[in-house]
Protein backbone atom coordinates (compact mmCIF):
# COMPACT_ATOMS: atom_id res chain seq x y z
CA MET A 1 57.05 -103.52 23.88
CA ALA A 2 56.88 -106.80 25.91
CA LYS A 3 55.69 -106.68 29.52
CA LYS A 4 58.01 -106.99 31.95
CA GLY A 5 57.56 -109.15 34.99
CA PHE A 6 59.34 -108.83 38.60
CA THR A 7 63.02 -109.61 37.82
CA HIS A 8 64.07 -109.25 41.69
CA ARG A 9 63.81 -110.98 44.81
CA ALA A 10 60.05 -110.71 46.03
CA ARG A 11 58.60 -112.35 49.39
CA LEU A 12 54.93 -112.35 50.03
CA ALA A 13 53.28 -111.79 53.21
CA THR A 14 50.85 -113.78 54.80
CA MET A 15 47.68 -113.44 53.34
CA PRO A 16 45.97 -110.87 56.20
CA SER A 17 42.08 -110.39 57.31
CA ASP A 18 41.58 -107.78 55.00
CA GLY A 19 42.22 -109.68 52.05
CA PHE A 20 45.09 -107.61 50.63
CA ILE A 21 48.40 -109.20 49.56
CA GLU A 22 51.54 -107.30 50.20
CA VAL A 23 54.64 -107.64 48.00
CA LEU A 24 57.82 -106.22 49.26
CA ARG A 25 60.78 -105.27 46.62
CA ASP A 26 64.48 -104.12 46.51
CA ALA A 27 64.52 -100.63 47.31
CA ASP A 28 66.89 -99.66 44.78
CA GLN A 29 64.75 -101.88 42.23
CA ALA A 30 62.49 -99.82 39.75
CA VAL A 31 58.92 -100.45 39.71
CA PRO A 32 57.82 -103.02 37.21
CA GLU A 33 55.78 -101.76 34.60
CA TYR A 34 53.62 -104.00 34.82
CA LEU A 35 51.85 -105.50 38.25
CA PRO A 36 50.31 -108.91 37.72
CA ILE A 37 47.98 -108.81 40.55
CA SER A 38 46.71 -106.48 43.23
CA LEU A 39 49.02 -105.53 46.23
CA LEU A 40 48.34 -103.80 49.67
CA GLY A 41 50.94 -103.36 52.41
CA THR A 42 52.48 -100.67 55.14
CA ALA A 43 56.13 -99.37 55.42
CA PRO A 44 58.46 -102.45 55.55
CA THR A 45 61.52 -102.93 57.32
CA GLY A 46 64.87 -104.36 56.75
CA GLY A 47 65.20 -101.82 53.82
CA LEU A 48 62.31 -103.01 51.33
CA THR A 49 59.38 -100.43 49.99
CA PRO A 50 55.95 -101.55 49.02
CA VAL A 51 54.48 -101.76 45.33
CA ILE A 52 50.80 -101.35 46.75
CA VAL A 53 47.62 -101.27 44.92
CA THR A 54 44.63 -100.91 46.77
CA GLY A 55 41.64 -103.33 46.58
CA GLY A 56 37.95 -103.15 46.76
CA PRO A 57 35.58 -102.59 44.50
CA PRO A 58 35.54 -99.71 41.46
CA GLU A 59 34.15 -96.26 41.97
CA TYR A 60 32.22 -94.90 39.37
CA LEU A 61 31.77 -91.39 38.89
CA SER A 62 30.09 -88.63 36.92
CA GLY A 63 30.21 -85.36 35.83
CA ASP A 64 32.49 -82.21 36.73
CA ALA A 65 34.48 -81.71 39.67
CA VAL A 66 34.62 -85.13 41.15
CA VAL A 67 37.25 -86.60 44.04
CA PHE A 68 38.49 -89.75 43.26
CA ASP A 69 38.96 -91.97 46.25
CA VAL A 70 42.81 -92.85 46.78
CA THR A 71 41.50 -96.06 48.72
CA LEU A 72 40.21 -97.18 46.43
CA ASN A 73 42.44 -99.26 42.98
CA HIS A 74 40.38 -98.46 40.05
CA SER A 75 37.95 -95.16 39.22
CA TYR A 76 35.38 -95.13 36.35
CA TRP A 77 34.77 -91.56 35.20
CA GLU A 78 31.88 -90.53 33.25
CA THR A 79 32.65 -87.00 31.64
CA THR A 80 29.08 -85.47 31.01
CA GLY A 81 29.53 -81.87 29.45
CA ALA A 82 33.02 -79.98 27.57
CA ALA A 83 35.76 -79.18 29.93
CA GLN A 84 34.96 -81.85 32.66
CA ASP A 85 37.37 -82.12 35.83
CA ALA A 86 38.48 -84.27 38.56
CA SER A 87 41.24 -84.21 41.68
CA LEU A 88 43.17 -86.76 42.95
CA PRO A 89 44.11 -86.27 46.50
CA ASP A 90 47.66 -87.04 47.79
CA GLY A 91 48.09 -90.80 48.52
CA THR A 92 48.57 -91.94 52.25
CA VAL A 93 51.05 -94.78 51.35
CA VAL A 94 54.82 -94.54 49.60
CA GLY A 95 54.31 -97.04 46.27
CA GLN A 96 50.32 -96.54 46.19
CA ILE A 97 49.06 -96.98 42.71
CA LYS A 98 45.71 -95.18 41.47
CA ARG A 99 43.95 -96.17 37.79
CA VAL A 100 41.46 -93.84 36.14
CA THR A 101 39.61 -94.93 33.42
CA LEU A 102 37.06 -92.75 31.62
CA TYR A 103 34.32 -95.18 30.34
CA ILE A 104 31.63 -92.25 29.18
CA ASP A 105 32.69 -89.72 27.21
CA LEU A 106 30.32 -86.81 26.83
CA GLY A 107 33.53 -84.45 26.53
CA ASP A 108 36.86 -83.73 27.14
CA GLY A 109 38.27 -84.53 31.13
CA LEU A 110 41.44 -83.44 32.94
CA VAL A 111 42.53 -85.34 36.17
CA THR A 112 44.30 -83.07 38.52
CA PRO A 113 46.10 -84.65 41.15
CA THR A 114 46.78 -82.28 44.29
CA ASN A 115 50.64 -82.84 43.92
CA GLY A 116 51.48 -84.77 40.30
CA HIS A 117 51.08 -85.23 36.67
CA LYS A 118 47.86 -83.92 35.24
CA VAL A 119 46.33 -86.24 32.56
CA SER A 120 43.59 -85.47 29.87
CA PHE A 121 41.13 -87.43 28.88
CA THR A 122 39.31 -87.28 25.58
CA ALA A 123 37.91 -90.99 24.43
CA VAL A 124 36.28 -93.91 26.10
CA GLY A 125 38.74 -96.25 27.34
CA GLN A 126 41.52 -93.96 27.92
CA THR A 127 43.13 -95.30 31.47
CA ALA A 128 45.99 -93.85 33.27
CA GLU A 129 47.76 -95.17 36.18
CA TRP A 130 49.54 -93.01 38.68
CA ILE A 131 52.01 -94.08 41.46
CA TRP A 132 52.47 -92.10 44.69
CA THR A 133 56.12 -91.58 45.20
CA GLY A 134 55.28 -89.68 48.66
CA SER A 135 55.46 -86.24 47.34
CA ILE A 136 53.60 -86.43 43.63
CA TRP A 137 51.47 -89.08 42.26
CA PHE A 138 53.55 -89.74 38.72
CA VAL A 139 52.37 -91.20 35.93
CA TYR A 140 53.91 -94.75 34.94
CA SER A 141 51.22 -96.01 32.81
CA LEU A 142 49.02 -94.44 29.87
CA TYR A 143 47.01 -96.84 27.70
CA ASN A 144 43.28 -97.22 26.15
CA MET A 145 41.40 -100.20 27.60
CA ALA A 146 38.88 -99.90 24.15
CA ASP A 147 40.46 -99.46 21.14
CA GLY A 148 44.82 -99.77 22.40
CA ALA A 149 45.86 -97.12 20.44
CA ASN A 150 43.95 -93.65 21.53
CA VAL A 151 45.92 -92.90 24.42
CA PRO A 152 45.46 -90.04 27.50
CA LEU A 153 48.41 -87.25 27.30
CA ILE A 154 50.32 -85.92 30.47
CA VAL A 155 49.43 -82.44 30.35
CA ALA A 156 52.57 -79.79 31.60
């Protein structure tokens, strides 16, 4: 399936001093499958809603009972044994995006958002992306950065 870009009207705000870009989309438009740039914004006016990817360096966490930082876009997780668990606190802004990648696999791992879809990780490179709806973390992308085939799974 080909990746889709923005097919609707979007406007870019001036680059703020914190180095983030805000892209606004029409409220009735679906969130794109693929976001080619990192974005950050605040609640807009005029019927537009933001699609937000927080910036900053990725975090690297290891072990069981880790808690991912929702202010950072990308987290790399190393599982250190069987049945590892990680938590994803609620997002801070509607449209916020969070990405988690399993980068060292010494056992299966389960990411459990405070509110939202759980994802099971079993292989190096597995990556899940969630978007914060304002009430839950919704999984919108599952893929594998290492082999392209063995993807993580949503757990009911």
